[in-house]
Amino acid sequence: MTRYIFRCADAGYQCSYEVEGNSHEEIIPKIRIHARYAHNLFEINDDQMKKFQDAITEKKS
């Protein structure tokens, strides 16, 4: 099964947060929660969401 990983640093933040999941759909809600509490991003605009989605990559085994 393919696993995906998001690293906040890959989205341009000086942050060590990482989250893994089985799909983008599984990871996005976790990114939203992290963005709210760690970066005070209560609303995520389209440009920010694209940056977050682009930072989700396939995890290498």
N, C-alpha and C. Protein backbone atom coordinates (compact mmCIF):
# COMPACT_ATOMS: atom_id res chain seq x y z
N MET A 1 0.84 -1.18 0.00
CA MET A 1 0.00 0.00 0.00
C MET A 1 0.88 1.25 0.00
N THR A 2 0.52 2.20 -0.81
CA THR A 2 1.26 3.45 -0.89
C THR A 2 0.96 4.32 0.32
N ARG A 3 2.01 4.86 0.90
CA ARG A 3 1.88 5.80 2.03
C ARG A 3 2.33 7.17 1.55
N TYR A 4 1.75 8.18 2.12
CA TYR A 4 2.08 9.55 1.78
C TYR A 4 2.54 10.28 3.03
N ILE A 5 3.39 11.29 2.83
CA ILE A 5 3.92 12.06 3.95
C ILE A 5 3.85 13.54 3.62
N PHE A 6 3.55 14.33 4.63
CA PHE A 6 3.58 15.78 4.53
C PHE A 6 4.58 16.28 5.55
N ARG A 7 5.49 17.12 5.09
CA ARG A 7 6.45 17.78 5.98
C ARG A 7 6.18 19.27 5.88
N CYS A 8 5.89 19.88 6.99
CA CYS A 8 5.56 21.30 7.00
C CYS A 8 6.70 22.14 6.40
N ALA A 9 7.91 21.74 6.64
CA ALA A 9 9.06 22.45 6.09
C ALA A 9 9.03 22.46 4.56
N ASP A 10 8.49 21.40 3.95
CA ASP A 10 8.40 21.34 2.49
C ASP A 10 7.38 22.33 1.94
N ALA A 11 6.52 22.85 2.80
CA ALA A 11 5.53 23.85 2.40
C ALA A 11 6.04 25.27 2.68
N GLY A 12 7.30 25.37 3.13
CA GLY A 12 7.92 26.67 3.30
C GLY A 12 7.96 27.21 4.72
N TYR A 13 7.59 26.39 5.69
CA TYR A 13 7.59 26.84 7.09
C TYR A 13 8.82 26.28 7.80
N GLN A 14 9.34 27.05 8.75
CA GLN A 14 10.43 26.55 9.59
C GLN A 14 9.77 25.75 10.71
N CYS A 15 9.48 24.50 10.41
CA CYS A 15 8.68 23.68 11.30
C CYS A 15 9.04 22.22 11.06
N SER A 16 9.10 21.45 12.12
CA SER A 16 9.49 20.04 11.99
C SER A 16 8.30 19.08 11.92
N TYR A 17 7.08 19.61 11.84
CA TYR A 17 5.87 18.77 11.82
C TYR A 17 5.86 17.86 10.60
N GLU A 18 5.54 16.60 10.82
CA GLU A 18 5.36 15.61 9.76
C GLU A 18 4.13 14.78 10.07
N VAL A 19 3.41 14.39 9.03
CA VAL A 19 2.27 13.51 9.20
C VAL A 19 2.22 12.55 8.01
N GLU A 20 1.82 11.31 8.28
CA GLU A 20 1.71 10.29 7.24
C GLU A 20 0.28 9.81 7.15
N GLY A 21 -0.06 9.28 5.97
CA GLY A 21 -1.38 8.71 5.79
C GLY A 21 -1.43 7.87 4.54
N ASN A 22 -2.58 7.24 4.32
CA ASN A 22 -2.77 6.38 3.16
C ASN A 22 -3.25 7.13 1.93
N SER A 23 -3.65 8.40 2.11
CA SER A 23 -4.14 9.20 0.99
C SER A 23 -4.03 10.68 1.33
N HIS A 24 -4.13 11.51 0.29
CA HIS A 24 -4.16 12.96 0.50
C HIS A 24 -5.37 13.31 1.37
N GLU A 25 -6.50 12.65 1.09
CA GLU A 25 -7.74 12.94 1.82
C GLU A 25 -7.61 12.66 3.31
N GLU A 26 -6.77 11.72 3.67
CA GLU A 26 -6.55 11.40 5.08
C GLU A 26 -5.64 12.43 5.75
N ILE A 27 -4.70 12.98 4.99
CA ILE A 27 -3.71 13.89 5.54
C ILE A 27 -4.21 15.33 5.64
N ILE A 28 -5.00 15.79 4.67
CA ILE A 28 -5.42 17.20 4.62
C ILE A 28 -6.08 17.68 5.93
N PRO A 29 -7.02 16.94 6.52
CA PRO A 29 -7.60 17.43 7.78
C PRO A 29 -6.56 17.60 8.90
N LYS A 30 -5.56 16.74 8.92
CA LYS A 30 -4.51 16.84 9.93
C LYS A 30 -3.64 18.08 9.68
N ILE A 31 -3.42 18.39 8.39
CA ILE A 31 -2.66 19.60 8.04
C ILE A 31 -3.44 20.83 8.48
N ARG A 32 -4.75 20.83 8.24
CA ARG A 32 -5.59 21.98 8.64
C ARG A 32 -5.51 22.22 10.15
N ILE A 33 -5.58 21.15 10.94
CA ILE A 33 -5.50 21.28 12.40
C ILE A 33 -4.13 21.81 12.80
N HIS A 34 -3.09 21.26 12.21
CA HIS A 34 -1.73 21.73 12.52
C HIS A 34 -1.57 23.20 12.15
N ALA A 35 -2.03 23.58 10.97
CA ALA A 35 -1.90 24.97 10.51
C ALA A 35 -2.60 25.93 11.47
N ARG A 36 -3.75 25.52 11.96
CA ARG A 36 -4.50 26.38 12.89
C ARG A 36 -3.75 26.56 14.20
N TYR A 37 -3.32 25.48 14.80
CA TYR A 37 -2.75 25.57 16.14
C TYR A 37 -1.26 25.92 16.17
N ALA A 38 -0.52 25.56 15.15
CA ALA A 38 0.92 25.84 15.15
C ALA A 38 1.27 27.15 14.44
N HIS A 39 0.44 27.52 13.45
CA HIS A 39 0.78 28.68 12.62
C HIS A 39 -0.31 29.75 12.60
N ASN A 40 -1.34 29.58 13.42
CA ASN A 40 -2.45 30.54 13.50
C ASN A 40 -3.12 30.81 12.16
N LEU A 41 -3.18 29.79 11.32
CA LEU A 41 -3.88 29.90 10.03
C LEU A 41 -5.29 29.37 10.22
N PHE A 42 -6.19 30.26 10.60
CA PHE A 42 -7.56 29.84 10.87
C PHE A 42 -8.35 29.64 9.58
N GLU A 43 -7.94 30.34 8.53
CA GLU A 43 -8.53 30.14 7.21
C GLU A 43 -7.39 29.90 6.24
N ILE A 44 -7.53 28.88 5.43
CA ILE A 44 -6.48 28.53 4.46
C ILE A 44 -7.00 28.89 3.08
N ASN A 45 -6.31 29.83 2.43
CA ASN A 45 -6.75 30.23 1.09
C ASN A 45 -6.28 29.21 0.05
N ASP A 46 -6.72 29.38 -1.18
CA ASP A 46 -6.42 28.42 -2.25
C ASP A 46 -4.92 28.28 -2.50
N ASP A 47 -4.19 29.40 -2.44
CA ASP A 47 -2.74 29.34 -2.68
C ASP A 47 -2.04 28.54 -1.58
N GLN A 48 -2.44 28.76 -0.34
CA GLN A 48 -1.84 28.02 0.76
C GLN A 48 -2.18 26.53 0.66
N MET A 49 -3.44 26.22 0.31
CA MET A 49 -3.84 24.82 0.20
C MET A 49 -3.05 24.13 -0.90
N LYS A 50 -2.84 24.83 -2.02
CA LYS A 50 -2.05 24.24 -3.11
C LYS A 50 -0.63 23.96 -2.63
N LYS A 51 -0.06 24.88 -1.87
CA LYS A 51 1.28 24.70 -1.32
C LYS A 51 1.33 23.47 -0.41
N PHE A 52 0.30 23.31 0.42
CA PHE A 52 0.24 22.15 1.30
C PHE A 52 0.07 20.86 0.50
N GLN A 53 -0.82 20.87 -0.48
CA GLN A 53 -1.06 19.67 -1.29
C GLN A 53 0.18 19.29 -2.09
N ASP A 54 0.89 20.29 -2.61
CA ASP A 54 2.11 20.02 -3.37
C ASP A 54 3.21 19.43 -2.50
N ALA A 55 3.15 19.69 -1.20
CA ALA A 55 4.17 19.19 -0.27
C ALA A 55 3.89 17.76 0.19
N ILE A 56 2.74 17.22 -0.16
CA ILE A 56 2.44 15.81 0.17
C ILE A 56 3.12 14.94 -0.88
N THR A 57 3.97 14.05 -0.43
CA THR A 57 4.71 13.20 -1.36
C THR A 57 4.55 11.73 -0.98
N GLU A 58 4.87 10.89 -1.95
CA GLU A 58 4.86 9.45 -1.68
C GLU A 58 6.02 9.13 -0.76
N LYS A 59 5.75 8.35 0.26
CA LYS A 59 6.81 7.98 1.21
C LYS A 59 7.65 6.86 0.62
N LYS A 60 8.94 7.07 0.66
CA LYS A 60 9.88 6.05 0.19
C LYS A 60 10.05 5.01 1.29
N SER A 61 10.04 3.76 0.92
CA SER A 61 10.19 2.68 1.92
C SER A 61 11.60 2.58 2.43
